[in-house]
Protein backbone atom coordinates (compact mmCIF):
# COMPACT_ATOMS: atom_id res chain seq x y z
CA UNK A 1 14.67 13.04 -19.12
CA UNK A 2 11.64 14.56 -18.92
CA UNK A 3 9.39 14.29 -15.85
CA UNK A 4 6.65 11.99 -16.19
CA UNK A 5 3.45 13.62 -15.47
CA UNK A 6 1.03 11.13 -15.76
CA UNK A 7 0.95 6.95 -15.12
CA UNK A 8 -0.04 4.69 -17.82
CA UNK A 9 -1.38 1.35 -17.45
CA UNK A 10 0.40 -1.69 -19.77
CA UNK A 11 -2.30 -3.75 -19.73
CA UNK A 12 -5.82 -3.25 -21.08
CA UNK A 13 -7.48 -6.09 -19.17
CA UNK A 14 -9.81 -4.83 -16.36
CA UNK A 15 -9.74 -7.29 -13.92
CA UNK A 16 -13.34 -7.97 -12.42
CA UNK A 17 -13.54 -10.23 -9.34
CA UNK A 18 -17.29 -10.18 -8.91
CA UNK A 19 -18.46 -12.18 -5.92
CA UNK A 20 -22.24 -13.34 -4.94
CA UNK A 21 -21.64 -11.67 -1.64
CA UNK A 22 -25.52 -10.35 -1.28
CA UNK A 23 -26.26 -13.40 1.11
CA UNK A 24 -23.25 -13.25 3.19
CA UNK A 25 -23.54 -10.97 6.29
CA UNK A 26 -20.54 -8.59 6.90
CA UNK A 27 -19.77 -5.68 9.09
CA UNK A 28 -20.82 -2.43 8.60
CA UNK A 29 -17.79 -1.00 9.24
CA UNK A 30 -16.06 -3.33 6.40
CA UNK A 31 -18.94 -2.24 3.99
CA UNK A 32 -18.25 1.44 4.31
CA UNK A 33 -14.49 0.75 3.85
CA UNK A 34 -15.05 -1.50 1.14
CA UNK A 35 -17.30 1.19 -0.81
CA UNK A 36 -14.33 3.73 -0.46
CA UNK A 37 -16.51 5.65 1.57
CA UNK A 38 -13.95 5.73 4.68
CA UNK A 39 -11.73 3.66 6.78
CA UNK A 40 -13.08 0.97 9.27
CA UNK A 41 -11.99 3.10 12.05
CA UNK A 42 -13.76 6.34 10.40
CA UNK A 43 -16.73 4.03 9.93
CA UNK A 44 -16.96 3.17 13.65
CA UNK A 45 -16.58 6.93 14.75
CA UNK A 46 -19.77 7.84 12.42
CA UNK A 47 -21.66 5.00 13.80
CA UNK A 48 -20.73 6.24 17.41
CA UNK A 49 -22.08 9.68 16.47
CA UNK A 50 -25.18 8.23 15.06
CA UNK A 51 -24.64 9.25 11.37
CA UNK A 52 -25.25 5.74 9.94
CA UNK A 53 -28.26 4.27 9.18
CA UNK A 54 -29.35 0.71 7.89
CA UNK A 55 -32.84 0.34 6.21
CA UNK A 56 -33.70 4.04 7.74
CA UNK A 57 -32.72 2.65 11.19
CA UNK A 58 -29.86 3.83 13.71
CA UNK A 59 -26.85 1.55 12.97
CA UNK A 60 -25.24 -0.27 15.84
CA UNK A 61 -21.73 -0.36 16.77
CA UNK A 62 -20.54 -3.89 15.43
CA UNK A 63 -23.63 -4.43 13.23
CA UNK A 64 -23.79 -7.30 10.36
CA UNK A 65 -25.52 -6.39 7.35
CA UNK A 66 -26.36 -7.92 3.86
CA UNK A 67 -25.13 -6.33 0.72
CA UNK A 68 -28.98 -5.76 -0.20
CA UNK A 69 -29.45 -3.58 3.12
CA UNK A 70 -30.00 0.07 2.25
CA UNK A 71 -26.90 2.13 4.18
CA UNK A 72 -26.70 5.89 4.39
CA UNK A 73 -24.26 8.20 6.04
CA UNK A 74 -26.66 10.93 6.82
CA UNK A 75 -28.47 11.29 3.86
CA UNK A 76 -26.14 9.59 1.58
CA UNK A 77 -26.56 6.32 0.30
CA UNK A 78 -23.46 4.12 0.09
CA UNK A 79 -23.08 1.44 -2.22
CA UNK A 80 -20.31 -1.10 -1.45
CA UNK A 81 -17.89 -1.61 -4.60
CA UNK A 82 -18.34 -4.61 -6.31
CA UNK A 83 -15.34 -4.72 -8.29
CA UNK A 84 -12.12 -5.40 -6.12
CA UNK A 85 -9.09 -3.37 -7.30
CA UNK A 86 -5.43 -3.82 -6.69
CA UNK A 87 -2.88 -2.33 -8.96
CA UNK A 88 0.80 -2.38 -8.99
CA UNK A 89 2.42 1.19 -9.95
CA UNK A 90 6.36 1.99 -10.70
CA UNK A 91 5.95 5.15 -9.03
CA UNK A 92 8.49 7.71 -10.24
CA UNK A 93 10.62 10.14 -8.02
CA UNK A 94 8.45 13.19 -7.39
CA UNK A 95 5.19 11.53 -6.59
CA UNK A 96 3.96 11.62 -2.93
CA UNK A 97 2.00 8.53 -1.60
CA UNK A 98 -0.78 10.65 -0.52
CA UNK A 99 -4.52 10.84 -1.14
CA UNK A 100 -4.78 14.53 -0.56
CA UNK A 101 -6.03 16.01 -3.69
CA UNK A 102 -4.64 19.64 -2.63
CA UNK A 103 -1.08 18.11 -3.22
CA UNK A 104 0.16 18.90 -6.73
CA UNK A 105 1.99 15.72 -6.64
CA UNK A 106 -0.51 13.27 -4.95
CA UNK A 107 -0.14 9.86 -6.47
CA UNK A 108 -4.03 9.85 -7.13
CA UNK A 109 -4.03 12.34 -9.75
CA UNK A 110 -0.86 11.03 -11.15
CA UNK A 111 -2.54 7.52 -11.68
CA UNK A 112 -5.83 9.34 -12.94
CA UNK A 113 -7.60 5.83 -12.37
CA UNK A 114 -11.23 5.90 -13.52
CA UNK A 115 -12.45 4.59 -9.73
CA UNK A 116 -11.64 5.54 -6.08
CA UNK A 117 -8.22 4.12 -5.10
CA UNK A 118 -5.88 4.89 -2.48
CA UNK A 119 -2.32 3.74 -2.07
CA UNK A 120 -1.29 0.83 0.55
CA UNK A 121 1.37 2.49 2.66
CA UNK A 122 3.95 4.79 1.36
CA UNK A 123 7.18 5.25 -0.77
CA UNK A 124 8.90 8.46 -0.27
CA UNK A 125 8.75 11.19 -2.34
CA UNK A 126 12.71 10.63 -3.14
CA UNK A 127 12.51 7.11 -3.98
CA UNK A 128 11.07 5.16 -6.95
CA UNK A 129 9.48 1.89 -7.27
CA UNK A 130 6.66 -0.52 -6.61
CA UNK A 131 3.48 0.78 -4.72
CA UNK A 132 0.11 -0.93 -4.37
CA UNK A 133 -3.11 0.94 -4.98
CA UNK A 134 -6.67 -0.53 -3.82
CA UNK A 135 -10.17 0.11 -3.39
CA UNK A 136 -10.42 -2.66 -0.57
CA UNK A 137 -9.66 -1.62 3.09
CA UNK A 138 -8.65 -5.52 3.82
CA UNK A 139 -5.59 -5.36 1.40
CA UNK A 140 -4.33 -2.31 3.46
CA UNK A 141 -4.89 -3.89 6.91
CA UNK A 142 -3.37 -7.28 5.66
CA UNK A 143 -0.11 -5.87 3.97
CA UNK A 144 0.58 -3.43 6.54
CA UNK A 145 -0.18 -4.86 9.77
CA UNK A 146 3.22 -4.82 11.60
CA UNK A 147 2.79 -7.96 13.45
CA UNK A 148 2.56 -10.14 9.92
CA UNK A 149 6.18 -9.39 9.17
CA UNK A 150 5.51 -9.21 5.20
CA UNK A 151 8.73 -8.62 3.26
CA UNK A 152 9.34 -5.45 1.05
CA UNK A 153 12.36 -5.46 -1.12
CA UNK A 154 14.88 -2.54 -2.20
CA UNK A 155 17.82 -1.83 -4.67
CA UNK A 156 19.38 0.83 -2.84
CA UNK A 157 22.74 2.93 -3.93
CA UNK A 158 24.77 4.81 -1.42
CA UNK A 159 27.48 7.56 -1.70
CA UNK A 160 30.53 5.35 -0.83
CA UNK A 161 31.87 1.76 -0.94
CA UNK A 162 29.78 -0.68 0.93
CA UNK A 163 31.98 -2.61 3.68
CA UNK A 164 31.72 -6.18 4.81
CA UNK A 165 30.92 -4.35 8.45
CA UNK A 166 28.21 -2.25 6.91
CA UNK A 167 26.39 -5.41 5.61
CA UNK A 168 26.82 -7.29 8.92
CA UNK A 169 25.43 -4.02 10.73
CA UNK A 170 22.65 -3.50 8.46
CA UNK A 171 21.81 -7.23 8.75
CA UNK A 172 21.64 -7.24 12.47
CA UNK A 173 19.49 -4.12 12.93
CA UNK A 174 20.42 -0.37 13.50
CA UNK A 175 19.40 2.09 16.19
CA UNK A 176 17.24 4.55 14.56
CA UNK A 177 13.78 6.58 16.00
CA UNK A 178 14.82 5.20 19.54
CA UNK A 179 14.51 1.43 18.69
CA UNK A 180 16.68 -1.24 17.09
CA UNK A 181 15.15 -2.20 13.53
CA UNK A 182 14.42 -5.88 12.90
CA UNK A 183 17.00 -8.25 11.65
CA UNK A 184 17.09 -8.32 7.93
CA UNK A 185 18.32 -9.97 4.87
CA UNK A 186 21.16 -7.56 3.03
CA UNK A 187 23.43 -8.58 0.21
CA UNK A 188 26.28 -6.59 -1.86
CA UNK A 189 25.40 -5.94 -5.46
CA UNK A 190 28.26 -4.01 -6.47
CA UNK A 191 30.85 -1.47 -4.75
CA UNK A 192 28.12 0.88 -3.81
CA UNK A 193 24.82 -0.99 -4.32
CA UNK A 194 23.07 -3.49 -2.17
CA UNK A 195 19.81 -5.21 -1.91
CA UNK A 196 17.71 -5.44 1.33
CA UNK A 197 14.42 -7.16 2.27
CA UNK A 198 12.71 -5.61 5.50
CA UNK A 199 9.96 -6.78 7.35
CA UNK A 200 8.84 -3.50 8.75
CA UNK A 201 8.17 -0.42 7.74
CA UNK A 202 9.54 2.79 9.69
CA UNK A 203 9.39 6.27 8.27
CA UNK A 204 12.55 6.59 5.79
CA UNK A 205 13.91 3.29 7.49
CA UNK A 206 16.40 2.35 4.90
CA UNK A 207 17.69 6.12 4.55
CA UNK A 208 17.75 6.40 8.62
CA UNK A 209 19.68 3.10 8.75
CA UNK A 210 22.09 4.07 6.14
CA UNK A 211 22.79 7.55 7.96
CA UNK A 212 23.39 5.96 11.10
CA UNK A 213 26.07 4.13 9.76
CA UNK A 214 27.84 6.99 7.85
CA UNK A 215 26.21 6.58 4.52
CA UNK A 216 24.00 8.37 2.45
CA UNK A 217 21.55 7.12 -0.05
CA UNK A 218 21.83 8.35 -3.59
CA UNK A 219 19.05 5.98 -5.19
CA UNK A 220 16.57 4.00 -3.73
CA UNK A 221 14.11 1.48 -5.80
CA UNK A 222 11.51 -0.94 -4.33
CA UNK A 223 11.00 -3.99 -6.52
CA UNK A 224 8.71 -6.35 -4.27
CA UNK A 225 5.63 -6.25 -1.75
CA UNK A 226 5.05 -9.45 -0.14
CA UNK A 227 4.90 -11.82 -3.41
CA UNK A 228 3.87 -8.73 -5.94
CA UNK A 229 7.14 -8.17 -8.05
CA UNK A 230 7.88 -4.88 -10.04
CA UNK A 231 9.65 -6.91 -12.68
CA UNK A 232 10.55 -4.93 -16.00
CA UNK A 233 7.60 -2.33 -15.58
CA UNK A 234 8.62 1.07 -16.90
CA UNK A 235 8.64 4.10 -14.50
CA UNK A 236 5.41 5.55 -14.42
CA UNK A 237 3.62 2.28 -15.40
CA UNK A 238 1.10 0.64 -13.64
CA UNK A 239 -0.65 -2.93 -14.39
CA UNK A 240 -3.52 -4.85 -12.66
CA UNK A 241 -2.41 -7.58 -10.09
CA UNK A 242 -2.99 -10.85 -11.61
CA UNK A 243 -5.46 -13.56 -10.41
CA UNK A 244 -2.65 -15.72 -9.37
CA UNK A 245 -0.71 -13.05 -7.45
CA UNK A 246 -3.93 -11.73 -5.68
CA UNK A 247 -4.84 -15.19 -4.65
CA UNK A 248 -1.43 -15.93 -3.44
CA UNK A 249 -1.58 -12.61 -1.49
CA UNK A 250 -4.79 -13.02 0.10
CA UNK A 251 -3.36 -16.31 1.34
CA UNK A 252 -0.01 -14.75 2.77
CA UNK A 253 -1.89 -12.09 4.26
CA UNK A 254 -5.07 -13.86 5.68
CA UNK A 255 -7.46 -12.03 3.53
């Protein structure tokens, strides 16, 4: 099979979610995050350093502004992104979930989206499947916050026969990275393939759990993040998340 060098969109509908937000005060750090300029944490750091200005006055920590205000970081005017973007990609093996443009396998170049977006969380280079990308920091915070216990579902193929004991131990939690993983739902699909639903996202968690029990992962595919499902989307394809999916996700994540 030839290597997929560029993602492709399987719908041509640009979903616009314009909101009349001009008269609604928002925190300055959220404004900067929504603009795609930086994270909220980085925004706070810039404010502390006196590099952020609102209507040509030095910004204050925790300040609220209107979208009609003029925000500058040093001499650059920052425009808040009006269109809320959330896309679902079936990431191929070999693509890295990084925004580092110096990395030749970075996901941003692979998708080639016409506006600035970044991945929500990660899916390791050797894994395939669903990854969400956005321009809105609220989605990142809402989906990735560990205390929210949001579900992510995977199909995993290992190198030997799956036993009842393996399923039981995986379900109860496994000691990795000096901690025991949260209990999770695990079900056998075939002799060497199983389905697993996690509510946490430790580094290479499934691979480490399997290795701790004497198994090696041969194939790992993520098929769901919270309520967003990959379905039959081809490898390398992406689509806009539907309005219905978006509204449900916001409700679940408290966005």
